[in-house]
Amino acid sequence: MPLVLFYARHLDGQHAYIVHQDVAFKTILVNDGESYDSNTGRFTASVPGVYMFKLHYNHYTNIRANLEIVRDGRPLQSPGQYEGSYAVSVCMQAFAKVTIGDMVWMRSI
């Protein structure tokens, strides 16, 4: 069975997003199976199966950066909404049964 695994991240400072903006992580540390596209930020399944997707980010004061994990445009996992003058650290994961061609990505909410 082929190995499909990716690990991508931002290495540079703070990022602000508009509502429903796709998030593309430009620094790729691992991309076995070549399923993650750093230009679009989308993972496209090349092998059917159950996958785990994990997202960790820090939401800084006065920066719009609430993110969710989506599959083919529908949310798989979303955080609670945090408003206020403090920083928040968010970690979430989602499991999804996917078929070849299904796409999973992160977007702002």
C-alpha atoms as a PDB file:
ATOM      1  CA  MET A   1       0.000   0.000   0.000  1.00  0.00           C
ATOM      2  CA  PRO A   2       1.446   3.425  -0.917  1.00  0.00           C
ATOM      3  CA  LEU A   3       2.377   5.873   1.842  1.00  0.00           C
ATOM      4  CA  VAL A   4       0.484   9.186   1.748  1.00  0.00           C
ATOM      5  CA  LEU A   5       1.622  11.770   4.295  1.00  0.00           C
ATOM      6  CA  PHE A   6       2.201  15.514   4.335  1.00  0.00           C
ATOM      7  CA  TYR A   7       3.396  18.076   6.847  1.00  0.00           C
ATOM      8  CA  ALA A   8       3.270  21.743   5.881  1.00  0.00           C
ATOM      9  CA  ARG A   9       3.441  24.970   7.865  1.00  0.00           C
ATOM     10  CA  HIS A  10       3.979  28.718   7.969  1.00  0.00           C
ATOM     11  CA  LEU A  11       7.372  29.761   9.254  1.00  0.00           C
ATOM     12  CA  ASP A  12       6.965  33.502   8.949  1.00  0.00           C
ATOM     13  CA  GLY A  13       5.038  35.588  11.454  1.00  0.00           C
ATOM     14  CA  GLN A  14       1.362  36.437  11.621  1.00  0.00           C
ATOM     15  CA  HIS A  15      -1.237  35.990   8.876  1.00  0.00           C
ATOM     16  CA  ALA A  16      -4.699  37.549   8.589  1.00  0.00           C
ATOM     17  CA  TYR A  17      -7.424  36.019   6.396  1.00  0.00           C
ATOM     18  CA  ILE A  18     -10.778  37.086   5.011  1.00  0.00           C
ATOM     19  CA  VAL A  19     -13.848  34.854   5.524  1.00  0.00           C
ATOM     20  CA  HIS A  20     -13.689  31.539   3.601  1.00  0.00           C
ATOM     21  CA  GLN A  21     -10.176  32.200   2.334  1.00  0.00           C
ATOM     22  CA  ASP A  22      -8.231  28.997   1.648  1.00  0.00           C
ATOM     23  CA  VAL A  23      -4.991  28.721   3.613  1.00  0.00           C
ATOM     24  CA  ALA A  24      -1.933  27.515   1.696  1.00  0.00           C
ATOM     25  CA  PHE A  25       1.030  26.478   3.821  1.00  0.00           C
ATOM     26  CA  LYS A  26       4.121  27.233   1.741  1.00  0.00           C
ATOM     27  CA  THR A  27       6.790  25.429   3.770  1.00  0.00           C
ATOM     28  CA  ILE A  28       6.524  21.696   3.067  1.00  0.00           C
ATOM     29  CA  LEU A  29       8.570  19.429   5.311  1.00  0.00           C
ATOM     30  CA  VAL A  30       7.079  16.108   4.097  1.00  0.00           C
ATOM     31  CA  ASN A  31       4.903  15.347   1.052  1.00  0.00           C
ATOM     32  CA  ASP A  32       5.056  11.580   0.506  1.00  0.00           C
ATOM     33  CA  GLY A  33       2.633  10.713  -2.271  1.00  0.00           C
ATOM     34  CA  GLU A  34       2.766  14.302  -3.630  1.00  0.00           C
ATOM     35  CA  SER A  35      -0.870  14.848  -2.596  1.00  0.00           C
ATOM     36  CA  TYR A  36      -0.476  18.303  -0.994  1.00  0.00           C
ATOM     37  CA  ASP A  37      -0.371  21.332  -3.321  1.00  0.00           C
ATOM     38  CA  SER A  38       1.354  24.297  -1.638  1.00  0.00           C
ATOM     39  CA  ASN A  39      -0.003  26.694  -4.300  1.00  0.00           C
ATOM     40  CA  THR A  40      -3.659  25.985  -3.476  1.00  0.00           C
ATOM     41  CA  GLY A  41      -3.284  24.555   0.048  1.00  0.00           C
ATOM     42  CA  ARG A  42      -5.360  21.530  -0.957  1.00  0.00           C
ATOM     43  CA  PHE A  43      -4.713  17.867  -0.282  1.00  0.00           C
ATOM     44  CA  THR A  44      -6.114  15.615  -3.029  1.00  0.00           C
ATOM     45  CA  ALA A  45      -6.496  11.942  -2.132  1.00  0.00           C
ATOM     46  CA  SER A  46      -4.611   9.658  -4.505  1.00  0.00           C
ATOM     47  CA  VAL A  47      -5.433   6.545  -2.473  1.00  0.00           C
ATOM     48  CA  PRO A  48      -8.842   5.781  -0.886  1.00  0.00           C
ATOM     49  CA  GLY A  49      -8.928   5.276   2.873  1.00  0.00           C
ATOM     50  CA  VAL A  50      -9.387   6.877   6.281  1.00  0.00           C
ATOM     51  CA  TYR A  51      -7.118   9.879   6.807  1.00  0.00           C
ATOM     52  CA  MET A  52      -6.338  12.019   9.846  1.00  0.00           C
ATOM     53  CA  PHE A  53      -5.927  15.784   9.387  1.00  0.00           C
ATOM     54  CA  LYS A  54      -4.537  17.921  12.196  1.00  0.00           C
ATOM     55  CA  LEU A  55      -4.292  21.699  12.501  1.00  0.00           C
ATOM     56  CA  HIS A  56      -2.563  23.733  15.198  1.00  0.00           C
ATOM     57  CA  TYR A  57      -2.419  27.517  15.216  1.00  0.00           C
ATOM     58  CA  ASN A  58      -2.166  30.523  17.509  1.00  0.00           C
ATOM     59  CA  HIS A  59      -4.811  33.215  17.165  1.00  0.00           C
ATOM     60  CA  TYR A  60      -3.177  36.511  18.081  1.00  0.00           C
ATOM     61  CA  THR A  61      -4.910  39.626  19.368  1.00  0.00           C
ATOM     62  CA  ASN A  62      -6.617  41.706  16.645  1.00  0.00           C
ATOM     63  CA  ILE A  63      -5.693  39.255  13.849  1.00  0.00           C
ATOM     64  CA  ARG A  64      -8.539  37.444  12.058  1.00  0.00           C
ATOM     65  CA  ALA A  65      -7.345  33.856  11.889  1.00  0.00           C
ATOM     66  CA  ASN A  66     -10.059  31.404  12.953  1.00  0.00           C
ATOM     67  CA  LEU A  67      -9.528  28.348  10.753  1.00  0.00           C
ATOM     68  CA  GLU A  68     -11.423  25.137  10.033  1.00  0.00           C
ATOM     69  CA  ILE A  69     -10.699  21.830   8.298  1.00  0.00           C
ATOM     70  CA  VAL A  70     -12.959  21.250   5.265  1.00  0.00           C
ATOM     71  CA  ARG A  71     -13.555  18.372   2.850  1.00  0.00           C
ATOM     72  CA  ASP A  72     -14.933  19.181  -0.583  1.00  0.00           C
ATOM     73  CA  GLY A  73     -16.240  22.507   0.766  1.00  0.00           C
ATOM     74  CA  ARG A  74     -17.996  21.130   3.879  1.00  0.00           C
ATOM     75  CA  PRO A  75     -16.551  21.603   7.398  1.00  0.00           C
ATOM     76  CA  LEU A  76     -15.020  18.526   9.023  1.00  0.00           C
ATOM     77  CA  GLN A  77     -13.890  20.338  12.177  1.00  0.00           C
ATOM     78  CA  SER A  78     -14.300  23.940  13.361  1.00  0.00           C
ATOM     79  CA  PRO A  79     -13.084  25.655  16.539  1.00  0.00           C
ATOM     80  CA  GLY A  80     -15.215  27.686  18.905  1.00  0.00           C
ATOM     81  CA  GLN A  81     -15.249  31.392  18.124  1.00  0.00           C
ATOM     82  CA  TYR A  82     -12.929  33.442  20.304  1.00  0.00           C
ATOM     83  CA  GLU A  83     -13.213  37.194  20.582  1.00  0.00           C
ATOM     84  CA  GLY A  84     -11.289  39.433  22.900  1.00  0.00           C
ATOM     85  CA  SER A  85      -7.942  40.978  23.583  1.00  0.00           C
ATOM     86  CA  TYR A  86      -5.940  37.830  24.266  1.00  0.00           C
ATOM     87  CA  ALA A  87      -4.060  35.179  22.308  1.00  0.00           C
ATOM     88  CA  VAL A  88      -5.538  31.690  21.879  1.00  0.00           C
ATOM     89  CA  SER A  89      -3.850  28.436  20.887  1.00  0.00           C
ATOM     90  CA  VAL A  90      -6.071  26.038  18.907  1.00  0.00           C
ATOM     91  CA  CYS A  91      -5.413  22.385  18.086  1.00  0.00           C
ATOM     92  CA  MET A  92      -7.938  20.199  16.275  1.00  0.00           C
ATOM     93  CA  GLN A  93      -8.033  17.037  14.232  1.00  0.00           C
ATOM     94  CA  ALA A  94     -10.520  15.308  11.981  1.00  0.00           C
ATOM     95  CA  PHE A  95     -10.774  11.821  10.541  1.00  0.00           C
ATOM     96  CA  ALA A  96     -12.304  11.433   7.091  1.00  0.00           C
ATOM     97  CA  LYS A  97     -13.043   8.465   4.860  1.00  0.00           C
ATOM     98  CA  VAL A  98     -12.043   9.682   1.407  1.00  0.00           C
ATOM     99  CA  THR A  99     -12.091   8.357  -2.127  1.00  0.00           C
ATOM    100  CA  ILE A 100      -9.668   9.150  -4.933  1.00  0.00           C
ATOM    101  CA  GLY A 101     -10.002  12.814  -5.915  1.00  0.00           C
ATOM    102  CA  ASP A 102     -11.575  14.032  -2.647  1.00  0.00           C
ATOM    103  CA  MET A 103      -9.986  17.279  -1.427  1.00  0.00           C
ATOM    104  CA  VAL A 104      -9.282  18.444   2.121  1.00  0.00           C
ATOM    105  CA  TRP A 105      -7.933  21.882   3.063  1.00  0.00           C
ATOM    106  CA  MET A 106      -7.913  24.588   5.723  1.00  0.00           C
ATOM    107  CA  ARG A 107      -9.890  27.812   5.363  1.00  0.00           C
ATOM    108  CA  SER A 108     -10.737  30.822   7.474  1.00  0.00           C
ATOM    109  CA  ILE A 109     -14.157  31.258   9.052  1.00  0.00           C
END
